[in-house]
N, C-alpha and C. Protein backbone atom coordinates (compact mmCIF):
# COMPACT_ATOMS: atom_id res chain seq x y z
N MET A 1 -2.62 21.42 -26.35
CA MET A 1 -1.24 21.09 -26.04
C MET A 1 -0.72 22.01 -24.92
N LEU A 2 -1.07 23.30 -25.01
CA LEU A 2 -0.62 24.27 -24.02
C LEU A 2 -1.15 23.93 -22.64
N LYS A 3 -2.42 23.54 -22.57
CA LYS A 3 -3.02 23.17 -21.28
C LYS A 3 -2.33 21.95 -20.68
N THR A 4 -2.03 21.00 -21.51
CA THR A 4 -1.36 19.78 -21.04
C THR A 4 0.01 20.11 -20.45
N VAL A 5 0.76 20.93 -21.16
CA VAL A 5 2.10 21.30 -20.70
C VAL A 5 2.03 22.08 -19.39
N THR A 6 1.10 23.02 -19.30
CA THR A 6 1.01 23.81 -18.07
C THR A 6 0.52 22.96 -16.90
N ARG A 7 -0.37 22.00 -17.16
CA ARG A 7 -0.79 21.09 -16.08
C ARG A 7 0.38 20.23 -15.61
N GLN A 8 1.16 19.76 -16.56
CA GLN A 8 2.34 18.96 -16.20
C GLN A 8 3.32 19.80 -15.38
N GLN A 9 3.51 21.05 -15.78
CA GLN A 9 4.41 21.93 -15.04
C GLN A 9 3.89 22.16 -13.62
N GLU A 10 2.61 22.40 -13.48
CA GLU A 10 2.02 22.59 -12.15
C GLU A 10 2.25 21.37 -11.27
N PHE A 11 1.96 20.21 -11.84
CA PHE A 11 2.13 18.97 -11.09
C PHE A 11 3.58 18.79 -10.66
N LEU A 12 4.51 19.01 -11.59
CA LEU A 12 5.93 18.82 -11.28
C LEU A 12 6.43 19.85 -10.27
N ARG A 13 5.94 21.07 -10.35
CA ARG A 13 6.35 22.09 -9.37
C ARG A 13 5.84 21.75 -7.98
N THR A 14 4.61 21.23 -7.90
CA THR A 14 4.07 20.79 -6.62
C THR A 14 4.91 19.64 -6.07
N MET A 15 5.22 18.72 -6.94
CA MET A 15 6.05 17.57 -6.55
C MET A 15 7.43 18.04 -6.10
N GLN A 16 8.00 18.99 -6.82
CA GLN A 16 9.31 19.54 -6.50
C GLN A 16 9.30 20.20 -5.12
N THR A 17 8.26 20.96 -4.83
CA THR A 17 8.14 21.64 -3.54
C THR A 17 8.05 20.62 -2.41
N ARG A 18 7.23 19.58 -2.61
CA ARG A 18 7.08 18.54 -1.60
C ARG A 18 8.40 17.81 -1.36
N MET A 19 9.10 17.52 -2.45
CA MET A 19 10.37 16.79 -2.33
C MET A 19 11.43 17.65 -1.63
N LYS A 20 11.46 18.94 -1.94
CA LYS A 20 12.43 19.83 -1.28
C LYS A 20 12.15 19.91 0.22
N ALA A 21 10.86 19.98 0.57
CA ALA A 21 10.50 20.02 1.99
C ALA A 21 10.89 18.71 2.68
N GLU A 22 10.68 17.60 2.01
CA GLU A 22 11.06 16.31 2.58
C GLU A 22 12.57 16.22 2.75
N LYS A 23 13.31 16.72 1.77
CA LYS A 23 14.77 16.72 1.86
C LYS A 23 15.26 17.59 3.02
N LEU A 24 14.62 18.75 3.20
CA LEU A 24 14.98 19.61 4.33
C LEU A 24 14.71 18.91 5.66
N GLY A 25 13.61 18.17 5.74
CA GLY A 25 13.31 17.40 6.95
C GLY A 25 14.37 16.35 7.23
N ILE A 26 14.82 15.69 6.19
CA ILE A 26 15.88 14.69 6.35
C ILE A 26 17.18 15.37 6.78
N ASP A 27 17.48 16.51 6.16
CA ASP A 27 18.69 17.26 6.54
C ASP A 27 18.66 17.64 8.02
N ASP A 28 17.50 18.10 8.48
CA ASP A 28 17.36 18.46 9.89
C ASP A 28 17.55 17.24 10.79
N SER A 29 16.99 16.11 10.38
CA SER A 29 17.14 14.89 11.18
C SER A 29 18.60 14.44 11.23
N LEU A 30 19.28 14.56 10.09
CA LEU A 30 20.71 14.19 10.05
C LEU A 30 21.53 15.11 10.96
N LYS A 31 21.19 16.37 10.97
CA LYS A 31 21.91 17.31 11.85
C LYS A 31 21.63 17.00 13.33
N SER A 32 20.44 16.52 13.62
CA SER A 32 20.16 16.16 15.01
C SER A 32 20.94 14.92 15.43
N LEU A 33 21.28 14.06 14.47
CA LEU A 33 22.15 12.93 14.79
C LEU A 33 23.54 13.42 15.16
N ALA A 34 23.95 14.55 14.61
CA ALA A 34 25.25 15.12 14.97
C ALA A 34 25.26 15.46 16.46
N ASP A 35 24.10 15.85 16.99
CA ASP A 35 24.03 16.14 18.43
C ASP A 35 24.34 14.90 19.26
N CYS A 36 23.91 13.72 18.77
CA CYS A 36 24.24 12.47 19.47
C CYS A 36 25.76 12.27 19.49
N LEU A 37 26.40 12.59 18.38
CA LEU A 37 27.86 12.46 18.32
C LEU A 37 28.55 13.47 19.23
N ILE A 38 28.01 14.67 19.29
CA ILE A 38 28.62 15.70 20.12
C ILE A 38 28.60 15.27 21.58
N ASN A 39 27.51 14.67 22.00
CA ASN A 39 27.39 14.24 23.39
C ASN A 39 28.29 13.05 23.70
N ILE A 40 28.61 12.27 22.69
CA ILE A 40 29.33 11.02 22.95
C ILE A 40 30.81 11.11 22.59
N HIS A 41 31.16 11.76 21.50
CA HIS A 41 32.52 11.67 20.96
C HIS A 41 33.18 13.04 20.82
N ASN A 42 34.41 12.95 20.37
CA ASN A 42 35.20 14.17 20.22
C ASN A 42 34.79 14.99 19.01
N SER A 43 35.29 16.17 18.96
CA SER A 43 34.90 17.11 17.91
C SER A 43 35.43 16.70 16.53
N LYS A 44 36.47 15.87 16.50
CA LYS A 44 37.03 15.43 15.23
C LYS A 44 36.01 14.60 14.44
N ILE A 45 35.31 13.72 15.14
CA ILE A 45 34.29 12.89 14.50
C ILE A 45 33.10 13.76 14.07
N VAL A 46 32.74 14.70 14.89
CA VAL A 46 31.62 15.60 14.55
C VAL A 46 31.98 16.41 13.30
N LEU A 47 33.21 16.86 13.22
CA LEU A 47 33.66 17.61 12.05
C LEU A 47 33.60 16.73 10.80
N LYS A 48 34.07 15.49 10.91
CA LYS A 48 33.99 14.55 9.78
C LYS A 48 32.54 14.33 9.37
N PHE A 49 31.68 14.18 10.35
CA PHE A 49 30.26 13.94 10.09
C PHE A 49 29.66 15.14 9.34
N ASN A 50 29.95 16.34 9.80
CA ASN A 50 29.41 17.53 9.15
C ASN A 50 29.95 17.70 7.73
N ARG A 51 31.23 17.42 7.54
CA ARG A 51 31.81 17.48 6.19
C ARG A 51 31.17 16.43 5.29
N PHE A 52 30.96 15.25 5.85
CA PHE A 52 30.31 14.17 5.11
C PHE A 52 28.93 14.62 4.63
N LEU A 53 28.16 15.21 5.52
CA LEU A 53 26.81 15.67 5.17
C LEU A 53 26.86 16.76 4.10
N ASP A 54 27.83 17.66 4.21
CA ASP A 54 27.95 18.74 3.24
C ASP A 54 28.29 18.24 1.84
N GLN A 55 28.97 17.11 1.76
CA GLN A 55 29.43 16.60 0.47
C GLN A 55 28.43 15.68 -0.23
N ILE A 56 27.42 15.20 0.49
CA ILE A 56 26.50 14.23 -0.08
C ILE A 56 25.82 14.77 -1.33
N ASP A 57 25.23 15.95 -1.24
CA ASP A 57 24.49 16.52 -2.37
C ASP A 57 25.38 16.61 -3.61
N SER A 58 26.57 17.14 -3.44
CA SER A 58 27.47 17.34 -4.58
C SER A 58 27.85 16.03 -5.23
N ILE A 59 28.20 15.05 -4.43
CA ILE A 59 28.65 13.76 -4.98
C ILE A 59 27.51 13.03 -5.68
N VAL A 60 26.34 13.00 -5.05
CA VAL A 60 25.20 12.31 -5.67
C VAL A 60 24.80 13.02 -6.96
N ASN A 61 24.75 14.35 -6.94
CA ASN A 61 24.41 15.11 -8.15
C ASN A 61 25.43 14.88 -9.26
N LEU A 62 26.69 14.85 -8.90
CA LEU A 62 27.75 14.63 -9.88
C LEU A 62 27.61 13.27 -10.55
N ILE A 63 27.52 12.24 -9.76
CA ILE A 63 27.46 10.88 -10.31
C ILE A 63 26.17 10.67 -11.09
N PHE A 64 25.05 11.07 -10.52
CA PHE A 64 23.78 10.88 -11.20
C PHE A 64 23.71 11.70 -12.49
N GLY A 65 24.21 12.92 -12.45
CA GLY A 65 24.23 13.76 -13.65
C GLY A 65 25.07 13.16 -14.76
N LEU A 66 26.23 12.63 -14.40
CA LEU A 66 27.08 11.99 -15.41
C LEU A 66 26.42 10.74 -15.97
N GLU A 67 25.78 9.97 -15.11
CA GLU A 67 25.08 8.77 -15.59
C GLU A 67 23.95 9.15 -16.54
N LEU A 68 23.21 10.21 -16.23
CA LEU A 68 22.15 10.67 -17.12
C LEU A 68 22.72 11.13 -18.46
N LYS A 69 23.81 11.88 -18.41
CA LYS A 69 24.43 12.38 -19.63
C LYS A 69 24.89 11.22 -20.52
N ILE A 70 25.52 10.23 -19.92
CA ILE A 70 25.99 9.07 -20.67
C ILE A 70 24.80 8.31 -21.27
N ALA A 71 23.74 8.15 -20.49
CA ALA A 71 22.55 7.45 -20.98
C ALA A 71 21.91 8.22 -22.13
N ASN A 72 21.82 9.55 -22.00
CA ASN A 72 21.24 10.36 -23.08
C ASN A 72 22.07 10.27 -24.36
N LEU A 73 23.38 10.29 -24.22
CA LEU A 73 24.24 10.17 -25.39
C LEU A 73 24.13 8.78 -26.02
N SER A 74 24.03 7.77 -25.21
CA SER A 74 23.91 6.40 -25.71
C SER A 74 22.58 6.20 -26.43
N ASN A 75 21.51 6.78 -25.88
CA ASN A 75 20.18 6.63 -26.46
C ASN A 75 19.96 7.51 -27.69
N SER A 76 20.80 8.52 -27.87
CA SER A 76 20.62 9.43 -29.00
C SER A 76 21.08 8.82 -30.31
N GLY A 77 21.79 7.71 -30.25
CA GLY A 77 22.26 7.05 -31.46
C GLY A 77 23.57 7.60 -31.98
N LYS A 78 24.14 8.55 -31.28
CA LYS A 78 25.44 9.09 -31.69
C LYS A 78 26.52 8.07 -31.38
N SER A 79 27.69 8.30 -31.92
CA SER A 79 28.79 7.37 -31.69
C SER A 79 29.15 7.34 -30.20
N THR A 80 29.66 6.22 -29.78
CA THR A 80 30.02 6.06 -28.36
C THR A 80 31.20 6.92 -27.97
N ASN A 81 31.92 7.46 -28.96
CA ASN A 81 33.06 8.34 -28.66
C ASN A 81 32.61 9.61 -27.95
N ASN A 82 31.38 10.04 -28.20
CA ASN A 82 30.87 11.25 -27.55
C ASN A 82 30.73 11.05 -26.05
N ALA A 83 30.47 9.82 -25.63
CA ALA A 83 30.26 9.53 -24.21
C ALA A 83 31.57 9.25 -23.47
N ASP A 84 32.64 8.99 -24.19
CA ASP A 84 33.90 8.62 -23.55
C ASP A 84 34.42 9.64 -22.54
N PRO A 85 34.41 10.93 -22.84
CA PRO A 85 34.89 11.89 -21.82
C PRO A 85 34.04 11.85 -20.55
N PHE A 86 32.74 11.63 -20.72
CA PHE A 86 31.86 11.58 -19.56
C PHE A 86 32.06 10.28 -18.77
N LYS A 87 32.42 9.23 -19.47
CA LYS A 87 32.69 7.96 -18.78
C LYS A 87 33.95 8.07 -17.94
N SER A 88 34.96 8.77 -18.45
CA SER A 88 36.17 8.94 -17.65
C SER A 88 35.91 9.85 -16.45
N ARG A 89 35.05 10.86 -16.64
CA ARG A 89 34.67 11.72 -15.51
C ARG A 89 33.88 10.93 -14.47
N LEU A 90 33.04 10.02 -14.96
CA LEU A 90 32.27 9.17 -14.05
C LEU A 90 33.21 8.28 -13.24
N ASP A 91 34.23 7.74 -13.88
CA ASP A 91 35.21 6.92 -13.16
C ASP A 91 35.89 7.73 -12.06
N GLU A 92 36.24 8.97 -12.36
CA GLU A 92 36.85 9.84 -11.35
C GLU A 92 35.87 10.14 -10.22
N ALA A 93 34.61 10.37 -10.58
CA ALA A 93 33.59 10.66 -9.57
C ALA A 93 33.36 9.45 -8.67
N ILE A 94 33.46 8.27 -9.23
CA ILE A 94 33.28 7.05 -8.43
C ILE A 94 34.43 6.91 -7.44
N LEU A 95 35.63 7.31 -7.84
CA LEU A 95 36.76 7.29 -6.90
C LEU A 95 36.52 8.25 -5.74
N ILE A 96 35.96 9.41 -6.04
CA ILE A 96 35.62 10.37 -4.98
C ILE A 96 34.57 9.76 -4.06
N LYS A 97 33.60 9.08 -4.65
CA LYS A 97 32.54 8.43 -3.87
C LYS A 97 33.12 7.35 -2.95
N VAL A 98 34.08 6.61 -3.44
CA VAL A 98 34.71 5.56 -2.63
C VAL A 98 35.39 6.17 -1.41
N MET A 99 36.09 7.30 -1.61
CA MET A 99 36.73 7.98 -0.48
C MET A 99 35.67 8.50 0.49
N HIS A 100 34.56 8.97 -0.05
CA HIS A 100 33.45 9.46 0.77
C HIS A 100 32.86 8.32 1.60
N GLU A 101 32.77 7.15 1.00
CA GLU A 101 32.24 5.98 1.71
C GLU A 101 33.18 5.51 2.82
N GLU A 102 34.47 5.74 2.65
CA GLU A 102 35.41 5.42 3.72
C GLU A 102 35.13 6.29 4.94
N THR A 103 34.85 7.55 4.71
CA THR A 103 34.47 8.45 5.81
C THR A 103 33.17 7.97 6.44
N TYR A 104 32.24 7.53 5.60
CA TYR A 104 30.97 6.99 6.08
C TYR A 104 31.20 5.82 7.04
N ASN A 105 32.10 4.92 6.68
CA ASN A 105 32.39 3.77 7.54
C ASN A 105 32.99 4.19 8.88
N VAL A 106 33.85 5.19 8.85
CA VAL A 106 34.44 5.70 10.09
C VAL A 106 33.35 6.29 10.98
N ILE A 107 32.47 7.06 10.38
CA ILE A 107 31.37 7.68 11.14
C ILE A 107 30.44 6.62 11.71
N MET A 108 30.12 5.63 10.91
CA MET A 108 29.18 4.58 11.35
C MET A 108 29.71 3.83 12.58
N ASN A 109 31.00 3.70 12.67
CA ASN A 109 31.59 3.00 13.82
C ASN A 109 31.40 3.75 15.13
N HIS A 110 31.07 5.03 15.04
CA HIS A 110 30.89 5.84 16.24
C HIS A 110 29.44 5.98 16.67
N PHE A 111 28.54 5.42 15.90
CA PHE A 111 27.13 5.44 16.26
C PHE A 111 26.74 4.15 16.97
N GLU A 112 25.74 4.24 17.82
CA GLU A 112 25.15 3.03 18.39
C GLU A 112 24.40 2.32 17.27
N ALA A 113 24.10 1.04 17.47
CA ALA A 113 23.46 0.23 16.43
C ALA A 113 22.13 0.83 15.97
N SER A 114 21.33 1.29 16.89
CA SER A 114 20.04 1.86 16.51
C SER A 114 20.21 3.14 15.70
N ASN A 115 21.18 3.96 16.07
CA ASN A 115 21.45 5.18 15.32
C ASN A 115 22.05 4.89 13.95
N GLN A 116 22.80 3.79 13.85
CA GLN A 116 23.35 3.40 12.55
C GLN A 116 22.23 3.11 11.56
N LEU A 117 21.21 2.39 12.02
CA LEU A 117 20.08 2.07 11.15
C LEU A 117 19.34 3.33 10.72
N VAL A 118 19.11 4.22 11.66
CA VAL A 118 18.41 5.48 11.37
C VAL A 118 19.23 6.31 10.39
N PHE A 119 20.52 6.43 10.65
CA PHE A 119 21.40 7.22 9.80
C PHE A 119 21.42 6.65 8.38
N ASN A 120 21.55 5.34 8.28
CA ASN A 120 21.62 4.69 6.97
C ASN A 120 20.32 4.90 6.19
N LYS A 121 19.19 4.76 6.88
CA LYS A 121 17.89 4.93 6.23
C LYS A 121 17.72 6.37 5.74
N MET A 122 18.07 7.34 6.58
CA MET A 122 17.95 8.75 6.19
C MET A 122 18.89 9.08 5.04
N LEU A 123 20.09 8.53 5.08
CA LEU A 123 21.06 8.79 4.02
C LEU A 123 20.56 8.26 2.68
N LYS A 124 20.03 7.05 2.67
CA LYS A 124 19.49 6.47 1.42
C LYS A 124 18.30 7.28 0.92
N SER A 125 17.46 7.72 1.83
CA SER A 125 16.30 8.55 1.45
C SER A 125 16.76 9.86 0.83
N LYS A 126 17.78 10.46 1.42
CA LYS A 126 18.29 11.72 0.90
C LYS A 126 18.88 11.53 -0.49
N GLN A 127 19.64 10.47 -0.68
CA GLN A 127 20.24 10.21 -1.98
C GLN A 127 19.16 9.99 -3.04
N LYS A 128 18.13 9.26 -2.68
CA LYS A 128 17.02 9.00 -3.60
C LYS A 128 16.32 10.31 -3.96
N LEU A 129 16.07 11.15 -2.96
CA LEU A 129 15.41 12.43 -3.20
C LEU A 129 16.25 13.36 -4.08
N ILE A 130 17.54 13.35 -3.89
CA ILE A 130 18.43 14.18 -4.72
C ILE A 130 18.30 13.77 -6.19
N CYS A 131 18.29 12.47 -6.45
CA CYS A 131 18.15 11.97 -7.82
C CYS A 131 16.77 12.30 -8.39
N GLU A 132 15.74 12.10 -7.58
CA GLU A 132 14.39 12.39 -8.05
C GLU A 132 14.21 13.88 -8.32
N LEU A 133 14.75 14.72 -7.47
CA LEU A 133 14.68 16.17 -7.71
C LEU A 133 15.40 16.55 -9.00
N ARG A 134 16.49 15.91 -9.25
CA ARG A 134 17.22 16.19 -10.49
C ARG A 134 16.37 15.83 -11.71
N LEU A 135 15.69 14.70 -11.63
CA LEU A 135 14.82 14.29 -12.74
C LEU A 135 13.63 15.24 -12.91
N VAL A 136 13.04 15.67 -11.81
CA VAL A 136 11.92 16.61 -11.87
C VAL A 136 12.39 17.94 -12.48
N ASN A 137 13.55 18.42 -12.04
CA ASN A 137 14.09 19.67 -12.60
C ASN A 137 14.36 19.53 -14.10
N GLN A 138 14.88 18.39 -14.50
CA GLN A 138 15.15 18.15 -15.91
C GLN A 138 13.84 18.13 -16.70
N GLU A 139 12.84 17.49 -16.17
CA GLU A 139 11.54 17.43 -16.84
C GLU A 139 10.91 18.82 -16.94
N LEU A 140 11.04 19.63 -15.89
CA LEU A 140 10.53 21.00 -15.94
C LEU A 140 11.26 21.82 -17.02
N TYR A 141 12.53 21.59 -17.13
CA TYR A 141 13.31 22.27 -18.17
C TYR A 141 12.80 21.88 -19.56
N TYR A 142 12.57 20.58 -19.78
CA TYR A 142 12.07 20.12 -21.08
C TYR A 142 10.70 20.70 -21.39
N LEU A 143 9.85 20.80 -20.38
CA LEU A 143 8.53 21.39 -20.58
C LEU A 143 8.65 22.88 -20.92
N GLU A 144 9.59 23.57 -20.29
CA GLU A 144 9.82 24.98 -20.59
C GLU A 144 10.28 25.15 -22.03
N VAL A 145 11.15 24.29 -22.49
CA VAL A 145 11.62 24.33 -23.87
C VAL A 145 10.45 24.04 -24.82
N GLN A 146 9.64 23.09 -24.44
CA GLN A 146 8.47 22.75 -25.24
C GLN A 146 7.53 23.96 -25.39
N LEU A 147 7.33 24.70 -24.31
CA LEU A 147 6.51 25.90 -24.37
C LEU A 147 7.12 26.95 -25.30
N LYS A 148 8.43 27.12 -25.21
CA LYS A 148 9.10 28.09 -26.09
C LYS A 148 8.91 27.71 -27.56
N ILE A 149 9.00 26.44 -27.83
CA ILE A 149 8.81 25.98 -29.20
C ILE A 149 7.37 26.21 -29.65
N LEU A 150 6.42 25.94 -28.76
CA LEU A 150 5.01 26.17 -29.10
C LEU A 150 4.74 27.63 -29.45
N PHE A 151 5.36 28.54 -28.70
CA PHE A 151 5.11 29.95 -28.94
C PHE A 151 5.87 30.48 -30.15
N MET A 152 6.83 29.74 -30.64
CA MET A 152 7.56 30.14 -31.83
C MET A 152 6.68 29.99 -33.07
N TYR A 153 5.78 29.01 -33.05
CA TYR A 153 4.98 28.71 -34.25
C TYR A 153 3.56 29.12 -34.08
């Protein structure tokens, strides 16, 4: 059992490292798109773009984390009342996301069509990686707890 857990941890850590490197590559590419905006538009749009990029991680983590929490509570068989506070927080987070998407639409209008496609693809990839990293981190945590339990007995 110990070997299996440590192999799983090794695999997940390798996967985590690869995903973090991929996310950094996407972040660098997104920042290079800001250079296109700097050459073409005013600093107000560039500032919005940079703020938008800074907020992506937080918003995606917030929404995905709340969705995971609600799913875990629903699957645990506990009463649905336990999930209600998290559902209201999720509703609030979705409102924040809607405002964030409004900024996204403003930014998209300032890109050329080819850059819009590139930006959209990179943004979706980043969001997917953020969620996958969260799942890998959660799985690593569960494996760590499993090891602690194994060493207790």
